[in-house]
Amino acid sequence: MKQTSVLLAFLAIFSGSSLLAQDIRVPEIPAGAVVRQVNCTITSDRTDFDDIVARARELERGENSPDRMQFRRLIIGTDEYTADFQIGQYYPSVSEMVRRRVAAGNEPYGRLGVECGSPSIVRNQVAHVGGQLSDDSLMTYSFCNINQGWNPAGVFNVLQKGAANAQRDTGNDTNIQVWTPLMGGPINRDWDFILVQVGADYEGLTERQDIFREGYRPMPASGGGRTCSRLGLWRTVTIFANN
């Protein structure tokens, strides 16, 4: 009888562990869009950011254009950033980016009246879609490191759950993104990823900052598996988007 009881207990534990394993959801990190980023300086004292935006929107586009193009201007940040603005060009894959850029030839930066530096490429992985993004909005980003004992999938899962909880609890539908480096950029970077928040509009992004400033926390105080720098605030303008 004792042997039978031990066997039944073992089977119960094994069965329970199997069921639990089936219920565990392993977070899947999306491949994400491929984004070519480059910092640019306006060459004329008589031209400002809004003038460059207007000119860019008038440029002809074709089958070799990126899927989306955004211009970003730093509003609150650091003196270490000396460019006037940043261009982000979105592609579905590295292969497609290279194919289109080779076919398109030289960039039309001269027609915009700007000079740009060396590009870097990041993966744009969306942790929370949120609301419909305005063509002219605000975004923040901070440089983050993954804490010891955590991995990228765990951090991404916390960001997903936290953003979903925040929208459920407060109604704030800010878009949350993770940018991870692919090519270019600093040789000896001291960060693992960039955490990006994009407001559906100006009010949505600033509202989110106040919600957290007033003490709201969407998840238990576990630190989220990451350590991040201070936020930088950017204006982000969509020049065009194919989807």
Protein backbone atom coordinates (compact mmCIF):
# COMPACT_ATOMS: atom_id res chain seq x y z
CA MET A 1 0.00 0.00 0.00
CA LYS A 2 2.84 2.38 0.89
CA GLN A 3 4.52 1.79 -2.47
CA THR A 4 1.22 2.45 -4.24
CA SER A 5 0.74 5.74 -2.37
CA VAL A 6 4.25 6.90 -3.24
CA LEU A 7 3.67 6.00 -6.90
CA LEU A 8 0.37 7.90 -6.98
CA ALA A 9 1.98 10.93 -5.35
CA PHE A 10 4.80 10.87 -7.90
CA LEU A 11 2.33 10.66 -10.77
CA ALA A 12 0.30 13.53 -9.33
CA ILE A 13 3.40 15.73 -9.05
CA PHE A 14 4.57 14.80 -12.55
CA SER A 15 1.11 15.43 -14.02
CA GLY A 16 0.80 18.77 -12.25
CA SER A 17 4.23 19.87 -13.45
CA SER A 18 3.31 18.93 -17.04
CA LEU A 19 0.09 20.94 -16.91
CA LEU A 20 1.92 23.90 -15.39
CA ALA A 21 4.56 23.76 -18.12
CA GLN A 22 1.83 23.91 -20.76
CA ASP A 23 0.37 27.03 -19.12
CA ILE A 24 3.67 28.91 -19.05
CA ARG A 25 3.76 31.44 -21.89
CA VAL A 26 7.25 31.99 -23.20
CA PRO A 27 7.40 35.63 -24.39
CA GLU A 28 8.12 36.01 -28.08
CA ILE A 29 10.13 39.03 -29.12
CA PRO A 30 9.05 40.17 -32.60
CA ALA A 31 11.72 40.48 -35.28
CA GLY A 32 10.74 44.12 -35.68
CA ALA A 33 11.29 46.65 -38.44
CA VAL A 34 14.80 47.60 -39.54
CA VAL A 35 15.41 51.31 -39.00
CA ARG A 36 18.26 53.27 -40.57
CA GLN A 37 19.02 56.31 -38.43
CA VAL A 38 21.26 59.25 -39.20
CA ASN A 39 21.88 62.60 -37.46
CA CYS A 40 21.79 65.71 -39.63
CA THR A 41 22.71 69.39 -39.47
CA ILE A 42 20.82 72.16 -41.27
CA THR A 43 23.28 74.07 -43.47
CA SER A 44 21.43 77.41 -43.78
CA ASP A 45 20.82 79.89 -40.97
CA ARG A 46 17.60 80.91 -42.74
CA THR A 47 16.09 77.42 -42.57
CA ASP A 48 14.58 75.71 -39.54
CA PHE A 49 13.27 72.23 -38.77
CA ASP A 50 9.74 72.95 -40.02
CA ASP A 51 11.15 74.17 -43.34
CA ILE A 52 13.08 70.90 -43.74
CA VAL A 53 9.96 68.89 -42.93
CA ALA A 54 7.97 70.76 -45.58
CA ARG A 55 10.67 70.21 -48.22
CA ALA A 56 10.98 66.51 -47.38
CA ARG A 57 7.25 65.97 -47.78
CA GLU A 58 7.46 67.36 -51.31
CA LEU A 59 10.21 64.97 -52.46
CA GLU A 60 9.17 62.31 -54.96
CA ARG A 61 8.85 58.77 -53.63
CA GLY A 62 9.02 55.48 -55.48
CA GLU A 63 9.15 51.72 -55.12
CA ASN A 64 12.61 51.93 -53.57
CA SER A 65 11.65 54.38 -50.85
CA PRO A 66 11.51 53.15 -47.25
CA ASP A 67 8.16 52.08 -45.83
CA ARG A 68 8.16 55.01 -43.44
CA MET A 69 10.27 58.08 -42.79
CA GLN A 70 10.34 60.15 -39.62
CA PHE A 71 12.23 63.30 -38.67
CA ARG A 72 13.00 63.74 -34.96
CA ARG A 73 14.17 66.91 -33.19
CA LEU A 74 15.57 66.87 -29.66
CA ILE A 75 13.65 69.15 -27.27
CA ILE A 76 15.10 68.20 -23.88
CA GLY A 77 18.31 66.21 -23.72
CA THR A 78 22.04 66.66 -23.39
CA ASP A 79 24.63 69.05 -24.80
CA GLU A 80 26.45 65.98 -26.10
CA TYR A 81 23.90 65.81 -28.93
CA THR A 82 24.98 68.54 -31.37
CA ALA A 83 22.99 67.65 -34.53
CA ASP A 84 19.85 69.57 -35.48
CA PHE A 85 17.65 66.52 -36.01
CA GLN A 86 17.58 62.81 -36.77
CA ILE A 87 16.14 60.92 -39.74
CA GLY A 88 14.62 57.46 -39.25
CA GLN A 89 13.90 55.29 -42.33
CA TYR A 90 11.92 52.08 -41.81
CA TYR A 91 12.34 48.86 -43.82
CA PRO A 92 10.88 45.35 -43.40
CA SER A 93 14.28 43.60 -43.38
CA VAL A 94 18.01 44.15 -43.78
CA SER A 95 17.94 42.50 -47.22
CA GLU A 96 15.16 44.78 -48.42
CA MET A 97 16.88 47.86 -47.01
CA VAL A 98 20.09 47.08 -48.91
CA ARG A 99 18.23 46.23 -52.12
CA ARG A 100 16.20 49.43 -52.11
CA ARG A 101 19.08 51.68 -51.15
CA VAL A 102 21.35 50.28 -53.86
CA ALA A 103 18.59 50.71 -56.45
CA ALA A 104 17.69 54.24 -55.29
CA GLY A 105 21.25 55.60 -55.41
CA ASN A 106 22.31 58.74 -53.56
CA GLU A 107 20.24 60.34 -50.80
CA PRO A 108 18.52 63.66 -51.67
CA TYR A 109 20.02 65.39 -48.61
CA GLY A 110 21.42 68.19 -50.75
CA ARG A 111 17.94 69.17 -51.91
CA LEU A 112 16.86 69.40 -48.27
CA GLY A 113 19.75 71.69 -47.34
CA VAL A 114 21.24 69.38 -44.72
CA GLU A 115 24.45 67.47 -44.08
CA CYS A 116 24.27 64.07 -42.36
CA GLY A 117 26.73 61.81 -40.58
CA SER A 118 27.26 58.06 -40.62
CA PRO A 119 24.12 55.93 -40.23
CA SER A 120 23.37 53.26 -37.66
CA ILE A 121 20.81 50.47 -37.94
CA VAL A 122 18.51 49.28 -35.16
CA ARG A 123 15.70 46.74 -34.78
CA ASN A 124 12.47 48.44 -33.77
CA GLN A 125 10.56 45.89 -31.67
CA VAL A 126 7.13 47.07 -30.52
CA ALA A 127 6.23 45.93 -27.00
CA HIS A 128 2.88 47.74 -26.94
CA VAL A 129 1.07 49.16 -29.98
CA GLY A 130 -1.17 51.55 -28.07
CA GLY A 131 -3.24 54.14 -29.93
CA GLN A 132 -3.12 55.47 -33.47
CA LEU A 133 0.01 57.61 -33.75
CA SER A 134 -0.29 61.21 -34.88
CA ASP A 135 1.92 62.44 -37.73
CA ASP A 136 3.34 65.05 -35.31
CA SER A 137 3.89 63.84 -31.77
CA LEU A 138 6.36 63.49 -28.91
CA MET A 139 8.63 60.62 -27.95
CA THR A 140 11.13 59.84 -25.23
CA TYR A 141 14.02 57.47 -25.22
CA SER A 142 16.52 56.29 -22.67
CA PHE A 143 19.56 54.01 -22.89
CA CYS A 144 19.12 50.81 -20.88
CA ASN A 145 21.14 47.86 -19.63
CA ILE A 146 19.74 44.44 -18.75
CA ASN A 147 20.25 43.65 -15.08
CA GLN A 148 22.18 40.61 -13.91
CA GLY A 149 19.97 37.52 -13.78
CA TRP A 150 17.64 38.79 -16.49
CA ASN A 151 17.56 38.19 -20.24
CA PRO A 152 16.11 40.18 -23.18
CA ALA A 153 12.93 38.06 -23.36
CA GLY A 154 12.19 38.60 -19.66
CA VAL A 155 12.66 42.36 -19.88
CA PHE A 156 10.52 42.56 -23.02
CA ASN A 157 7.76 40.55 -21.30
CA VAL A 158 7.75 42.97 -18.34
CA LEU A 159 7.48 45.93 -20.73
CA GLN A 160 4.57 44.26 -22.56
CA LYS A 161 2.66 43.52 -19.38
CA GLY A 162 3.41 46.88 -17.78
CA ALA A 163 2.23 48.86 -20.82
CA ALA A 164 -0.94 46.77 -21.12
CA ASN A 165 -1.68 47.27 -17.40
CA ALA A 166 -1.10 51.02 -17.70
CA GLN A 167 -3.55 51.33 -20.59
CA ARG A 168 -6.10 49.21 -18.71
CA ASP A 169 -5.76 51.17 -15.46
CA THR A 170 -5.31 54.73 -16.75
CA GLY A 171 -6.47 54.72 -20.38
CA ASN A 172 -3.07 55.99 -21.53
CA ASP A 173 -2.26 54.38 -24.90
CA THR A 174 1.39 55.35 -25.37
CA ASN A 175 3.31 53.17 -27.83
CA ILE A 176 6.26 51.32 -26.24
CA GLN A 177 9.23 50.20 -28.34
CA VAL A 178 12.58 48.51 -27.82
CA TRP A 179 15.44 49.44 -30.15
CA THR A 180 18.35 47.00 -30.29
CA PRO A 181 21.52 47.67 -32.30
CA LEU A 182 22.17 45.86 -35.57
CA MET A 183 24.86 47.79 -37.44
CA GLY A 184 26.93 50.91 -36.98
CA GLY A 185 26.79 53.23 -34.00
CA PRO A 186 29.36 53.52 -31.19
CA ILE A 187 32.16 50.95 -31.28
CA ASN A 188 32.21 50.59 -27.50
CA ARG A 189 28.61 51.27 -26.52
CA ASP A 190 27.73 51.08 -22.82
CA TRP A 191 24.04 50.12 -23.23
CA ASP A 192 22.06 47.04 -24.33
CA PHE A 193 18.96 48.65 -25.82
CA ILE A 194 17.01 51.90 -26.13
CA LEU A 195 13.59 52.13 -24.49
CA VAL A 196 11.26 54.34 -26.53
CA GLN A 197 7.85 55.81 -25.65
CA VAL A 198 5.84 57.43 -28.46
CA GLY A 199 2.67 59.32 -27.62
CA ALA A 200 -0.40 58.96 -29.80
CA ASP A 201 -0.27 62.76 -29.60
CA TYR A 202 1.47 65.45 -27.55
CA GLU A 203 -0.94 65.12 -24.63
CA GLY A 204 -0.70 61.33 -24.46
CA LEU A 205 3.06 61.29 -23.96
CA THR A 206 3.15 64.09 -21.38
CA GLU A 207 0.18 62.57 -19.54
CA ARG A 208 2.08 59.30 -19.19
CA GLN A 209 5.00 61.08 -17.53
CA ASP A 210 2.65 62.71 -15.02
CA ILE A 211 0.89 59.42 -14.27
CA PHE A 212 4.21 57.86 -13.23
CA ARG A 213 5.38 61.06 -11.51
CA GLU A 214 2.31 60.89 -9.29
CA GLY A 215 3.23 57.37 -8.15
CA TYR A 216 1.40 54.96 -10.43
CA ARG A 217 3.20 51.65 -11.00
CA PRO A 218 1.80 49.10 -13.48
CA MET A 219 3.81 46.17 -12.09
CA PRO A 220 5.16 45.02 -8.70
CA ALA A 221 8.33 46.82 -7.66
CA SER A 222 10.81 44.39 -9.23
CA GLY A 223 12.81 46.95 -11.19
CA GLY A 224 11.69 45.49 -14.50
CA GLY A 225 15.04 43.79 -15.10
CA ARG A 226 16.62 46.93 -16.53
CA THR A 227 18.56 50.03 -15.51
CA CYS A 228 18.03 53.07 -17.73
CA SER A 229 19.42 56.57 -18.18
CA ARG A 230 17.44 59.80 -17.93
CA LEU A 231 14.77 60.37 -20.56
CA GLY A 232 15.37 62.53 -23.60
CA LEU A 233 12.32 64.28 -25.10
CA TRP A 234 11.93 64.50 -28.88
CA ARG A 235 9.42 65.86 -31.33
CA THR A 236 8.80 63.21 -33.98
CA VAL A 237 7.22 64.04 -37.36
CA THR A 238 6.16 61.45 -39.94
CA ILE A 239 7.20 62.54 -43.45
CA PHE A 240 5.37 59.63 -45.10
CA ALA A 241 4.19 56.13 -44.23
CA ASN A 242 3.10 53.36 -46.59
CA ASN A 243 1.27 51.43 -43.87
